[in-house]
Structures are given as C-alpha cells and as structure tokens.
Amino acid sequence: MQAVALAHASRLINHGPTVLVGSAHGGRRNLMAAAWSMPVEFMPPRVVVVIDKSTFTRGLVTASGHFSLSVPGRALADVVYTLGSESGADVDKFERLGLEVEAGPALGLPLLRGCAAHLECRLIEEPHAQAAYDCFFGEVVSAQADERIFTGGRWLPPTAANADLHTLHHLGAGLFGVASEAVQARQLP
C-alpha cells in the first residue's frame, strides 16, 4: 500500500457513473458533468449531486427548483469531458456542440439523446447542505432507461451490443473507466 494525497482520497471510492446535470430557467439551459452523485433513499426515490458554487448550473437549479441527472455511456465520453470543462454562462453548449436533446416527460428539462438513463428531480431545499457542502438533494419524479442496458429493474451485463451505453466512471484528468465484464457473485456459506 502507498499513501494517497488527501486531495485525491475521494477518487478511491468515487468511480460510480458520471452524470450530466441538466438545468433550465428563464430561457437559459445547461448541461454539466458531475462525478459526485448517489441515491439516498428508495421510496420516494431521492438522490444527491454536488454542484459547485462557481457553476452556471447551480444558479439555474436554485432558480428553477429542478434538475435532471442523465447517465451517459462510452459513446459520449468526449461530450461529457467537454461539458465538464466549459461553462455554459457565456456559451450555449447545446448549439456549440450540436447536442440533440429532448424535453423530459415530467419537468421538461433538457435530456441528452444517447444516454443510458435519465432522472428528472424536484429540488429538496436543504440550505445548510447546499451552502456548506454544495450538496443538492432531489426527489425523482420521472426515470427512464435504455432497455439495451437496463431492464427489469437492473443493469444488464456489458456486451458488444450495448458497448456504447456502458457507463462512464471518472478516474481523473479526463480519463474514464467503463465496465468490461460482469461477475456473478455467490453467497459464501
């Protein structure tokens, strides 16, 4: 074992799927990449995502009271990296990158086509968590997934047929990992 700089400690446990946070308010919209998100409750379904104070997205989410989480796959790696590297405050990322989106079924939020899954969320106001930790909690009001990679309430094993939808896991500095095989576990006696 070797020591890890505390600035990189979160990378040891944070290789869950990278998400795109969608937001819209007052005629403006945005997508940003986020590596820190997770479910926090099953029913009602609730999630949390970290949205830094310096982002354009945060202002849109706070003003609208809504956000979406989209789960991109490997085919969108360059788009994800670019969305996470540029601000939407000065440029319309959708136009600049030629992104194809559709309006979410419940809240009308921008959902990027080609993703493995989408969640639309109503913001749960937690002023302390937002101010102190940049944590935004949301109640999921709609969820959808591509049946080639998620069906019957679970993720499907990675195959050549669904390779473009294998979720991205941020490893740092623009490097992403993807699942390459499934391992069926058995309970030990």
N, C-alpha and C. Protein backbone atom coordinates (compact mmCIF):
# COMPACT_ATOMS: atom_id res chain seq x y z
N MET A 1 0.85 -1.18 0.00
CA MET A 1 0.00 0.00 0.00
C MET A 1 0.89 1.23 0.00
N GLN A 2 0.41 2.27 -0.65
CA GLN A 2 1.14 3.53 -0.65
C GLN A 2 0.21 4.64 -0.21
N ALA A 3 0.75 5.68 0.35
CA ALA A 3 -0.04 6.82 0.80
C ALA A 3 -0.64 7.53 -0.41
N VAL A 4 -1.86 8.03 -0.24
CA VAL A 4 -2.55 8.80 -1.28
C VAL A 4 -2.75 10.21 -0.75
N ALA A 5 -2.43 11.19 -1.56
CA ALA A 5 -2.64 12.58 -1.16
C ALA A 5 -4.12 12.77 -0.84
N LEU A 6 -4.40 13.45 0.26
CA LEU A 6 -5.79 13.64 0.67
C LEU A 6 -6.60 14.35 -0.40
N ALA A 7 -5.98 15.17 -1.22
CA ALA A 7 -6.69 15.83 -2.32
C ALA A 7 -7.24 14.83 -3.33
N HIS A 8 -6.69 13.61 -3.33
CA HIS A 8 -7.15 12.57 -4.25
C HIS A 8 -7.88 11.43 -3.55
N ALA A 9 -8.09 11.54 -2.25
CA ALA A 9 -8.72 10.46 -1.49
C ALA A 9 -10.10 10.10 -2.01
N SER A 10 -10.89 11.09 -2.43
CA SER A 10 -12.24 10.81 -2.91
C SER A 10 -12.23 9.93 -4.15
N ARG A 11 -11.16 9.98 -4.93
CA ARG A 11 -11.09 9.17 -6.14
C ARG A 11 -11.02 7.67 -5.83
N LEU A 12 -10.65 7.33 -4.61
CA LEU A 12 -10.58 5.92 -4.24
C LEU A 12 -11.96 5.27 -4.17
N ILE A 13 -12.98 6.05 -3.89
CA ILE A 13 -14.33 5.48 -3.79
C ILE A 13 -15.30 6.10 -4.78
N ASN A 14 -14.88 7.09 -5.54
CA ASN A 14 -15.80 7.79 -6.42
C ASN A 14 -15.61 7.39 -7.88
N HIS A 15 -15.87 6.13 -8.19
CA HIS A 15 -15.89 5.79 -9.60
C HIS A 15 -17.22 5.16 -9.98
N GLY A 16 -18.27 5.71 -9.34
CA GLY A 16 -19.63 5.41 -9.77
C GLY A 16 -19.86 6.14 -11.08
N PRO A 17 -21.02 6.00 -11.69
CA PRO A 17 -21.21 6.60 -13.00
C PRO A 17 -21.17 8.12 -12.97
N THR A 18 -20.48 8.68 -13.93
CA THR A 18 -20.50 10.12 -14.15
C THR A 18 -21.90 10.47 -14.66
N VAL A 19 -22.43 11.60 -14.22
CA VAL A 19 -23.75 12.03 -14.65
C VAL A 19 -23.65 13.40 -15.30
N LEU A 20 -24.66 13.74 -16.06
CA LEU A 20 -24.82 15.08 -16.60
C LEU A 20 -25.97 15.73 -15.85
N VAL A 21 -25.72 16.89 -15.27
CA VAL A 21 -26.75 17.63 -14.56
C VAL A 21 -27.37 18.60 -15.55
N GLY A 22 -28.67 18.44 -15.78
CA GLY A 22 -29.40 19.33 -16.68
C GLY A 22 -30.19 20.34 -15.89
N SER A 23 -30.26 21.56 -16.44
CA SER A 23 -30.99 22.62 -15.76
C SER A 23 -31.55 23.59 -16.79
N ALA A 24 -32.59 24.30 -16.40
CA ALA A 24 -33.18 25.30 -17.28
C ALA A 24 -33.98 26.28 -16.45
N HIS A 25 -33.87 27.57 -16.81
CA HIS A 25 -34.65 28.61 -16.14
C HIS A 25 -34.52 29.91 -16.93
N GLY A 26 -35.62 30.62 -17.04
CA GLY A 26 -35.61 31.94 -17.67
C GLY A 26 -35.09 31.94 -19.10
N GLY A 27 -35.39 30.90 -19.86
CA GLY A 27 -34.95 30.84 -21.24
C GLY A 27 -33.51 30.38 -21.43
N ARG A 28 -32.82 30.04 -20.35
CA ARG A 28 -31.45 29.52 -20.43
C ARG A 28 -31.46 28.06 -20.01
N ARG A 29 -30.55 27.29 -20.54
CA ARG A 29 -30.43 25.88 -20.18
C ARG A 29 -28.96 25.50 -20.15
N ASN A 30 -28.66 24.39 -19.50
CA ASN A 30 -27.26 23.97 -19.41
C ASN A 30 -27.17 22.49 -19.08
N LEU A 31 -26.04 21.92 -19.42
CA LEU A 31 -25.65 20.58 -19.01
C LEU A 31 -24.23 20.67 -18.48
N MET A 32 -23.98 20.05 -17.34
CA MET A 32 -22.62 19.98 -16.80
C MET A 32 -22.35 18.56 -16.35
N ALA A 33 -21.11 18.15 -16.40
CA ALA A 33 -20.73 16.83 -15.93
C ALA A 33 -20.49 16.88 -14.43
N ALA A 34 -20.87 15.80 -13.74
CA ALA A 34 -20.65 15.70 -12.30
C ALA A 34 -20.24 14.26 -11.97
N ALA A 35 -19.20 14.13 -11.18
CA ALA A 35 -18.74 12.80 -10.79
C ALA A 35 -19.29 12.39 -9.43
N TRP A 36 -19.86 13.34 -8.68
CA TRP A 36 -20.30 13.04 -7.32
C TRP A 36 -21.82 13.09 -7.24
N SER A 37 -22.44 11.93 -7.35
CA SER A 37 -23.89 11.80 -7.18
C SER A 37 -24.16 10.42 -6.62
N MET A 38 -25.32 10.29 -5.96
CA MET A 38 -25.68 8.97 -5.43
C MET A 38 -27.14 8.96 -5.00
N PRO A 39 -27.72 7.77 -4.95
CA PRO A 39 -29.07 7.65 -4.39
C PRO A 39 -28.98 7.78 -2.87
N VAL A 40 -30.03 8.32 -2.26
CA VAL A 40 -30.05 8.44 -0.80
C VAL A 40 -31.29 7.81 -0.18
N GLU A 41 -32.28 7.46 -1.00
CA GLU A 41 -33.49 6.84 -0.48
C GLU A 41 -34.21 6.11 -1.61
N PHE A 42 -34.82 4.95 -1.27
CA PHE A 42 -35.53 4.17 -2.29
C PHE A 42 -36.91 4.74 -2.60
N MET A 43 -37.76 4.88 -1.57
CA MET A 43 -39.13 5.36 -1.79
C MET A 43 -39.50 6.39 -0.74
N PRO A 44 -39.84 7.61 -1.12
CA PRO A 44 -39.75 8.06 -2.50
C PRO A 44 -38.30 8.12 -2.94
N PRO A 45 -38.05 7.91 -4.24
CA PRO A 45 -36.67 7.91 -4.71
C PRO A 45 -36.05 9.31 -4.58
N ARG A 46 -34.90 9.36 -3.91
CA ARG A 46 -34.20 10.62 -3.72
C ARG A 46 -32.72 10.43 -4.04
N VAL A 47 -32.12 11.49 -4.56
CA VAL A 47 -30.71 11.47 -4.94
C VAL A 47 -30.04 12.74 -4.41
N VAL A 48 -28.71 12.72 -4.46
CA VAL A 48 -27.94 13.93 -4.14
C VAL A 48 -26.85 14.06 -5.20
N VAL A 49 -26.56 15.30 -5.57
CA VAL A 49 -25.48 15.60 -6.51
C VAL A 49 -24.75 16.83 -6.01
N VAL A 50 -23.45 16.85 -6.19
CA VAL A 50 -22.65 18.00 -5.79
C VAL A 50 -22.56 18.96 -6.97
N ILE A 51 -22.98 20.21 -6.73
CA ILE A 51 -22.93 21.26 -7.75
C ILE A 51 -22.18 22.44 -7.14
N ASP A 52 -20.98 22.67 -7.60
CA ASP A 52 -20.10 23.69 -7.04
C ASP A 52 -20.71 25.10 -7.16
N LYS A 53 -20.37 25.93 -6.20
CA LYS A 53 -20.85 27.31 -6.15
C LYS A 53 -20.50 28.11 -7.39
N SER A 54 -19.41 27.77 -8.04
CA SER A 54 -18.93 28.56 -9.18
C SER A 54 -19.62 28.22 -10.49
N THR A 55 -20.52 27.23 -10.51
CA THR A 55 -21.09 26.79 -11.79
C THR A 55 -22.34 27.57 -12.18
N PHE A 56 -22.51 27.71 -13.47
CA PHE A 56 -23.70 28.32 -14.05
C PHE A 56 -24.92 27.45 -13.74
N THR A 57 -24.74 26.15 -13.76
CA THR A 57 -25.83 25.20 -13.49
C THR A 57 -26.45 25.44 -12.13
N ARG A 58 -25.63 25.71 -11.14
CA ARG A 58 -26.15 25.91 -9.78
C ARG A 58 -27.18 27.03 -9.73
N GLY A 59 -26.92 28.12 -10.39
CA GLY A 59 -27.88 29.23 -10.43
C GLY A 59 -29.19 28.84 -11.08
N LEU A 60 -29.12 28.07 -12.15
CA LEU A 60 -30.33 27.62 -12.84
C LEU A 60 -31.14 26.66 -11.96
N VAL A 61 -30.44 25.75 -11.28
CA VAL A 61 -31.12 24.78 -10.41
C VAL A 61 -31.78 25.51 -9.24
N THR A 62 -31.06 26.42 -8.63
CA THR A 62 -31.59 27.16 -7.48
C THR A 62 -32.81 27.99 -7.90
N ALA A 63 -32.74 28.64 -9.05
CA ALA A 63 -33.84 29.49 -9.52
C ALA A 63 -35.07 28.67 -9.92
N SER A 64 -34.85 27.51 -10.56
CA SER A 64 -35.98 26.73 -11.07
C SER A 64 -36.54 25.74 -10.06
N GLY A 65 -35.69 25.25 -9.15
CA GLY A 65 -36.13 24.23 -8.21
C GLY A 65 -36.17 22.84 -8.81
N HIS A 66 -35.48 22.64 -9.94
CA HIS A 66 -35.46 21.35 -10.63
C HIS A 66 -34.08 21.06 -11.19
N PHE A 67 -33.79 19.78 -11.39
CA PHE A 67 -32.60 19.37 -12.14
C PHE A 67 -32.81 17.98 -12.68
N SER A 68 -32.03 17.64 -13.69
CA SER A 68 -32.07 16.28 -14.22
C SER A 68 -30.68 15.67 -14.05
N LEU A 69 -30.65 14.36 -13.97
CA LEU A 69 -29.41 13.60 -13.99
C LEU A 69 -29.50 12.62 -15.15
N SER A 70 -28.58 12.73 -16.09
CA SER A 70 -28.52 11.80 -17.21
C SER A 70 -27.26 10.97 -17.05
N VAL A 71 -27.35 9.70 -17.41
CA VAL A 71 -26.23 8.78 -17.27
C VAL A 71 -25.69 8.47 -18.67
N PRO A 72 -24.60 9.14 -19.06
CA PRO A 72 -24.04 8.92 -20.40
C PRO A 72 -23.22 7.64 -20.46
N GLY A 73 -23.06 7.12 -21.67
CA GLY A 73 -22.24 5.95 -21.90
C GLY A 73 -20.97 6.31 -22.64
N ARG A 74 -20.18 5.28 -22.93
CA ARG A 74 -18.86 5.47 -23.53
C ARG A 74 -18.89 6.22 -24.85
N ALA A 75 -19.95 6.11 -25.62
CA ALA A 75 -20.03 6.82 -26.90
C ALA A 75 -20.03 8.34 -26.70
N LEU A 76 -20.38 8.80 -25.50
CA LEU A 76 -20.46 10.23 -25.23
C LEU A 76 -19.27 10.75 -24.40
N ALA A 77 -18.20 9.99 -24.30
CA ALA A 77 -17.07 10.38 -23.44
C ALA A 77 -16.52 11.76 -23.79
N ASP A 78 -16.32 12.05 -25.07
CA ASP A 78 -15.77 13.36 -25.45
C ASP A 78 -16.75 14.48 -25.11
N VAL A 79 -18.03 14.24 -25.33
CA VAL A 79 -19.05 15.23 -24.99
C VAL A 79 -19.06 15.48 -23.49
N VAL A 80 -19.02 14.42 -22.70
CA VAL A 80 -19.03 14.54 -21.24
C VAL A 80 -17.83 15.35 -20.76
N TYR A 81 -16.66 15.02 -21.26
CA TYR A 81 -15.44 15.74 -20.86
C TYR A 81 -15.54 17.22 -21.21
N THR A 82 -16.05 17.52 -22.39
CA THR A 82 -16.20 18.91 -22.83
C THR A 82 -17.24 19.64 -21.98
N LEU A 83 -18.37 18.99 -21.70
CA LEU A 83 -19.41 19.62 -20.87
C LEU A 83 -18.89 19.91 -19.47
N GLY A 84 -17.98 19.09 -18.98
CA GLY A 84 -17.42 19.29 -17.66
C GLY A 84 -16.26 20.26 -17.63
N SER A 85 -15.78 20.65 -18.80
CA SER A 85 -14.61 21.54 -18.88
C SER A 85 -14.95 22.97 -19.26
N GLU A 86 -16.18 23.21 -19.69
CA GLU A 86 -16.59 24.54 -20.14
C GLU A 86 -17.81 25.02 -19.37
N SER A 87 -17.90 26.31 -19.17
CA SER A 87 -19.06 26.91 -18.52
C SER A 87 -20.12 27.24 -19.56
N GLY A 88 -21.37 27.10 -19.15
CA GLY A 88 -22.48 27.48 -20.02
C GLY A 88 -22.91 28.92 -19.81
N ALA A 89 -22.20 29.65 -18.94
CA ALA A 89 -22.57 31.03 -18.66
C ALA A 89 -22.40 31.93 -19.87
N ASP A 90 -21.38 31.65 -20.68
CA ASP A 90 -21.06 32.53 -21.81
C ASP A 90 -21.35 31.94 -23.17
N VAL A 91 -21.68 30.65 -23.21
CA VAL A 91 -21.92 30.00 -24.49
C VAL A 91 -23.05 28.98 -24.32
N ASP A 92 -23.86 28.83 -25.36
CA ASP A 92 -24.89 27.79 -25.35
C ASP A 92 -24.22 26.49 -25.77
N LYS A 93 -23.97 25.61 -24.83
CA LYS A 93 -23.27 24.35 -25.10
C LYS A 93 -24.05 23.49 -26.09
N PHE A 94 -25.36 23.57 -26.04
CA PHE A 94 -26.19 22.75 -26.92
C PHE A 94 -25.93 23.11 -28.39
N GLU A 95 -25.92 24.41 -28.66
CA GLU A 95 -25.67 24.87 -30.04
C GLU A 95 -24.22 24.63 -30.44
N ARG A 96 -23.29 24.99 -29.57
CA ARG A 96 -21.87 24.87 -29.90
C ARG A 96 -21.47 23.43 -30.22
N LEU A 97 -22.00 22.49 -29.45
CA LEU A 97 -21.64 21.09 -29.63
C LEU A 97 -22.63 20.31 -30.50
N GLY A 98 -23.69 20.97 -30.94
CA GLY A 98 -24.70 20.30 -31.77
C GLY A 98 -25.40 19.18 -31.04
N LEU A 99 -25.70 19.40 -29.76
CA LEU A 99 -26.30 18.34 -28.94
C LEU A 99 -27.78 18.15 -29.27
N GLU A 100 -28.17 16.90 -29.35
CA GLU A 100 -29.58 16.57 -29.57
C GLU A 100 -30.20 16.26 -28.21
N VAL A 101 -31.22 17.03 -27.86
CA VAL A 101 -31.89 16.83 -26.58
C VAL A 101 -33.38 16.72 -26.80
N GLU A 102 -34.03 16.17 -25.81
CA GLU A 102 -35.49 16.19 -25.79
C GLU A 102 -35.92 16.65 -24.42
N ALA A 103 -37.12 17.18 -24.35
CA ALA A 103 -37.65 17.65 -23.07
C ALA A 103 -38.07 16.47 -22.21
N GLY A 104 -37.69 16.51 -20.94
CA GLY A 104 -38.08 15.46 -20.01
C GLY A 104 -39.58 15.37 -19.87
N PRO A 105 -40.12 14.17 -19.62
CA PRO A 105 -41.56 13.96 -19.59
C PRO A 105 -42.29 14.63 -18.44
N ALA A 106 -41.64 14.88 -17.33
CA ALA A 106 -42.32 15.45 -16.17
C ALA A 106 -42.06 16.95 -16.01
N LEU A 107 -40.80 17.36 -16.17
CA LEU A 107 -40.43 18.74 -15.88
C LEU A 107 -39.93 19.51 -17.10
N GLY A 108 -39.80 18.82 -18.22
CA GLY A 108 -39.36 19.48 -19.45
C GLY A 108 -37.88 19.84 -19.47
N LEU A 109 -37.10 19.24 -18.61
CA LEU A 109 -35.67 19.54 -18.54
C LEU A 109 -34.94 18.94 -19.74
N PRO A 110 -33.82 19.54 -20.15
CA PRO A 110 -33.09 19.02 -21.31
C PRO A 110 -32.42 17.68 -21.01
N LEU A 111 -32.77 16.65 -21.78
CA LEU A 111 -32.20 15.31 -21.62
C LEU A 111 -31.43 14.98 -22.90
N LEU A 112 -30.14 14.70 -22.77
CA LEU A 112 -29.28 14.44 -23.90
C LEU A 112 -29.59 13.07 -24.51
N ARG A 113 -29.85 13.07 -25.81
CA ARG A 113 -30.10 11.80 -26.50
C ARG A 113 -28.84 10.95 -26.50
N GLY A 114 -29.03 9.64 -26.43
CA GLY A 114 -27.91 8.71 -26.46
C GLY A 114 -27.43 8.27 -25.10
N CYS A 115 -28.03 8.80 -24.03
CA CYS A 115 -27.64 8.40 -22.68
C CYS A 115 -28.29 7.08 -22.31
N ALA A 116 -27.72 6.41 -21.32
CA ALA A 116 -28.26 5.14 -20.84
C ALA A 116 -29.51 5.34 -20.00
N ALA A 117 -29.58 6.47 -19.29
CA ALA A 117 -30.72 6.71 -18.39
C ALA A 117 -30.87 8.20 -18.10
N HIS A 118 -32.08 8.55 -17.65
CA HIS A 118 -32.38 9.93 -17.26
C HIS A 118 -33.26 9.93 -16.02
N LEU A 119 -33.01 10.89 -15.12
CA LEU A 119 -33.86 11.14 -13.96
C LEU A 119 -34.20 12.62 -13.95
N GLU A 120 -35.46 12.94 -13.73
CA GLU A 120 -35.85 14.33 -13.50
C GLU A 120 -36.17 14.47 -12.02
N CYS A 121 -35.69 15.55 -11.42
CA CYS A 121 -35.80 15.71 -9.97
C CYS A 121 -36.33 17.08 -9.57
N ARG A 122 -37.16 17.06 -8.53
CA ARG A 122 -37.56 18.31 -7.87
C ARG A 122 -36.57 18.55 -6.75
N LEU A 123 -36.05 19.76 -6.67
CA LEU A 123 -35.08 20.11 -5.65
C LEU A 123 -35.72 20.04 -4.27
N ILE A 124 -35.05 19.39 -3.34
CA ILE A 124 -35.44 19.38 -1.93
C ILE A 124 -34.56 20.41 -1.25
N GLU A 125 -35.16 21.47 -0.77
CA GLU A 125 -34.38 22.55 -0.17
C GLU A 125 -33.68 22.08 1.11
N GLU A 126 -32.40 22.15 1.10
CA GLU A 126 -31.55 21.85 2.25
C GLU A 126 -30.49 22.94 2.29
N PRO A 127 -30.85 24.14 2.77
CA PRO A 127 -29.94 25.29 2.68
C PRO A 127 -28.56 25.05 3.28
N HIS A 128 -28.49 24.37 4.41
CA HIS A 128 -27.18 24.14 5.01
C HIS A 128 -26.32 23.23 4.15
N ALA A 129 -26.89 22.13 3.66
CA ALA A 129 -26.14 21.19 2.82
C ALA A 129 -25.68 21.87 1.53
N GLN A 130 -26.54 22.71 0.96
CA GLN A 130 -26.19 23.42 -0.27
C GLN A 130 -25.06 24.42 -0.02
N ALA A 131 -25.19 25.21 1.03
CA ALA A 131 -24.21 26.25 1.30
C ALA A 131 -22.87 25.69 1.79
N ALA A 132 -22.93 24.74 2.70
CA ALA A 132 -21.70 24.23 3.32
C ALA A 132 -21.01 23.17 2.48
N TYR A 133 -21.77 22.32 1.79
CA TYR A 133 -21.18 21.16 1.12
C TYR A 133 -21.49 21.07 -0.37
N ASP A 134 -22.22 22.03 -0.93
CA ASP A 134 -22.60 22.04 -2.34
C ASP A 134 -23.47 20.84 -2.73
N CYS A 135 -24.14 20.23 -1.74
CA CYS A 135 -24.99 19.06 -1.97
C CYS A 135 -26.42 19.47 -2.28
N PHE A 136 -26.92 19.01 -3.41
CA PHE A 136 -28.29 19.29 -3.83
C PHE A 136 -29.08 17.99 -3.84
N PHE A 137 -30.09 17.93 -3.00
CA PHE A 137 -30.94 16.75 -2.89
C PHE A 137 -32.14 16.92 -3.82
N GLY A 138 -32.57 15.84 -4.42
CA GLY A 138 -33.72 15.90 -5.29
C GLY A 138 -34.59 14.67 -5.14
N GLU A 139 -35.89 14.88 -5.29
CA GLU A 139 -36.83 13.76 -5.35
C GLU A 139 -37.07 13.44 -6.81
N VAL A 140 -36.85 12.20 -7.18
CA VAL A 140 -37.00 11.78 -8.57
C VAL A 140 -38.49 11.73 -8.90
N VAL A 141 -38.88 12.45 -9.97
CA VAL A 141 -40.28 12.48 -10.38
C VAL A 141 -40.50 11.77 -11.72
N SER A 142 -39.42 11.48 -12.43
CA SER A 142 -39.51 10.64 -13.62
C SER A 142 -38.16 9.96 -13.83
N ALA A 143 -38.22 8.75 -14.34
CA ALA A 143 -37.00 7.98 -14.62
C ALA A 143 -37.23 7.15 -15.87
N GLN A 144 -36.20 7.09 -16.69
CA GLN A 144 -36.27 6.27 -17.89
C GLN A 144 -34.89 5.73 -18.22
N ALA A 145 -34.85 4.58 -18.89
CA ALA A 145 -33.57 3.96 -19.22
C ALA A 145 -33.67 3.24 -20.56
N ASP A 146 -32.55 3.14 -21.22
CA ASP A 146 -32.46 2.41 -22.48
C ASP A 146 -32.49 0.91 -22.16
N GLU A 147 -33.45 0.20 -22.73
CA GLU A 147 -33.63 -1.21 -22.40
C GLU A 147 -32.50 -2.10 -22.88
N ARG A 148 -31.60 -1.58 -23.69
CA ARG A 148 -30.43 -2.37 -24.11
C ARG A 148 -29.40 -2.50 -22.99
N ILE A 149 -29.50 -1.62 -21.97
CA ILE A 149 -28.51 -1.65 -20.88
C ILE A 149 -29.15 -1.75 -19.50
N PHE A 150 -30.45 -1.46 -19.39
CA PHE A 150 -31.15 -1.52 -18.10
C PHE A 150 -32.56 -2.01 -18.34
N THR A 151 -32.92 -3.13 -17.73
CA THR A 151 -34.27 -3.67 -17.87
C THR A 151 -34.59 -4.53 -16.65
N GLY A 152 -35.86 -4.63 -16.35
CA GLY A 152 -36.29 -5.44 -15.20
C GLY A 152 -35.76 -4.91 -13.88
N GLY A 153 -35.49 -3.62 -13.80
CA GLY A 153 -35.02 -3.02 -12.57
C GLY A 153 -33.54 -3.20 -12.28
N ARG A 154 -32.76 -3.60 -13.30
CA ARG A 154 -31.32 -3.78 -13.05
C ARG A 154 -30.52 -3.53 -14.33
N TRP A 155 -29.22 -3.24 -14.10
CA TRP A 155 -28.29 -3.07 -15.21
C TRP A 155 -28.00 -4.42 -15.83
N LEU A 156 -27.87 -4.45 -17.14
CA LEU A 156 -27.53 -5.67 -17.85
C LEU A 156 -26.02 -5.81 -17.96
N PRO A 157 -25.52 -7.03 -18.09
CA PRO A 157 -24.07 -7.22 -18.27
C PRO A 157 -23.59 -6.51 -19.53
N PRO A 158 -22.36 -6.02 -19.50
CA PRO A 158 -21.81 -5.39 -20.69
C PRO A 158 -21.64 -6.41 -21.82
N THR A 159 -22.07 -6.03 -23.01
CA THR A 159 -21.90 -6.86 -24.20
C THR A 159 -21.48 -5.96 -25.35
N ALA A 160 -21.09 -6.56 -26.45
CA ALA A 160 -20.75 -5.77 -27.64
C ALA A 160 -21.97 -5.00 -28.14
N ALA A 161 -23.16 -5.57 -27.96
CA ALA A 161 -24.38 -4.92 -28.45
C ALA A 161 -24.75 -3.66 -27.69
N ASN A 162 -24.31 -3.55 -26.42
CA ASN A 162 -24.65 -2.35 -25.65
C ASN A 162 -23.40 -1.56 -25.25
N ALA A 163 -22.29 -1.77 -25.94
CA ALA A 163 -21.00 -1.16 -25.58
C ALA A 163 -21.05 0.36 -25.53
N ASP A 164 -21.78 0.99 -26.44
CA ASP A 164 -21.84 2.47 -26.45
C ASP A 164 -22.55 3.02 -25.23
N LEU A 165 -23.32 2.19 -24.53
CA LEU A 165 -24.07 2.63 -23.36
C LEU A 165 -23.40 2.26 -22.04
N HIS A 166 -22.24 1.59 -22.08
CA HIS A 166 -21.53 1.27 -20.84
C HIS A 166 -21.23 2.58 -20.12
N THR A 167 -21.60 2.65 -18.86
CA THR A 167 -21.48 3.91 -18.11
C THR A 167 -20.03 4.32 -17.93
N LEU A 168 -19.84 5.63 -17.85
CA LEU A 168 -18.51 6.23 -17.66
C LEU A 168 -18.24 6.42 -16.18
N HIS A 169 -17.03 6.14 -15.77
CA HIS A 169 -16.63 6.28 -14.37
C HIS A 169 -15.38 7.14 -14.34
N HIS A 170 -15.52 8.36 -13.82
CA HIS A 170 -14.44 9.34 -13.87
C HIS A 170 -13.26 8.91 -13.00
N LEU A 171 -12.09 8.82 -13.61
CA LEU A 171 -10.88 8.42 -12.90
C LEU A 171 -9.94 9.60 -12.67
N GLY A 172 -10.24 10.74 -13.27
CA GLY A 172 -9.43 11.94 -13.09
C GLY A 172 -8.78 12.38 -14.39
N ALA A 173 -8.64 13.71 -14.55
CA ALA A 173 -7.91 14.30 -15.68
C ALA A 173 -8.42 13.84 -17.05
N GLY A 174 -9.73 13.73 -17.21
CA GLY A 174 -10.30 13.35 -18.49
C GLY A 174 -10.26 11.87 -18.80
N LEU A 175 -9.82 11.07 -17.85
CA LEU A 175 -9.78 9.62 -18.04
C LEU A 175 -11.01 8.99 -17.41
N PHE A 176 -11.66 8.11 -18.17
CA PHE A 176 -12.85 7.41 -17.70
C PHE A 176 -12.63 5.91 -17.81
N GLY A 177 -13.24 5.16 -16.90
CA GLY A 177 -13.28 3.72 -17.00
C GLY A 177 -14.68 3.29 -17.39
N VAL A 178 -14.80 2.11 -17.96
CA VAL A 178 -16.10 1.52 -18.27
C VAL A 178 -16.07 0.07 -17.81
N ALA A 179 -17.24 -0.46 -17.51
CA ALA A 179 -17.32 -1.87 -17.12
C ALA A 179 -16.96 -2.73 -18.32
N SER A 180 -16.15 -3.75 -18.11
CA SER A 180 -15.74 -4.59 -19.23
C SER A 180 -16.30 -6.00 -19.15
N GLU A 181 -16.72 -6.41 -17.96
CA GLU A 181 -17.30 -7.74 -17.83
C GLU A 181 -18.16 -7.78 -16.58
N ALA A 182 -19.06 -8.74 -16.55
CA ALA A 182 -19.90 -8.94 -15.38
C ALA A 182 -19.37 -10.14 -14.61
N VAL A 183 -19.49 -10.06 -13.30
CA VAL A 183 -19.07 -11.14 -12.43
C VAL A 183 -20.26 -11.54 -11.57
N GLN A 184 -20.71 -12.78 -11.70
CA GLN A 184 -21.84 -13.26 -10.89
C GLN A 184 -21.30 -13.77 -9.56
N ALA A 185 -21.68 -13.10 -8.49
CA ALA A 185 -21.23 -13.49 -7.16
C ALA A 185 -22.13 -14.59 -6.59
N ARG A 186 -21.60 -15.30 -5.61
CA ARG A 186 -22.41 -16.27 -4.87
C ARG A 186 -22.21 -15.99 -3.39
N GLN A 187 -23.21 -16.25 -2.63
CA GLN A 187 -23.13 -16.02 -1.18
C GLN A 187 -22.28 -17.11 -0.55
N LEU A 188 -21.35 -16.68 0.29
CA LEU A 188 -20.48 -17.65 0.96
C LEU A 188 -21.24 -18.40 2.04
N PRO A 189 -20.90 -19.69 2.24
CA PRO A 189 -21.63 -20.47 3.25
C PRO A 189 -21.29 -19.99 4.67
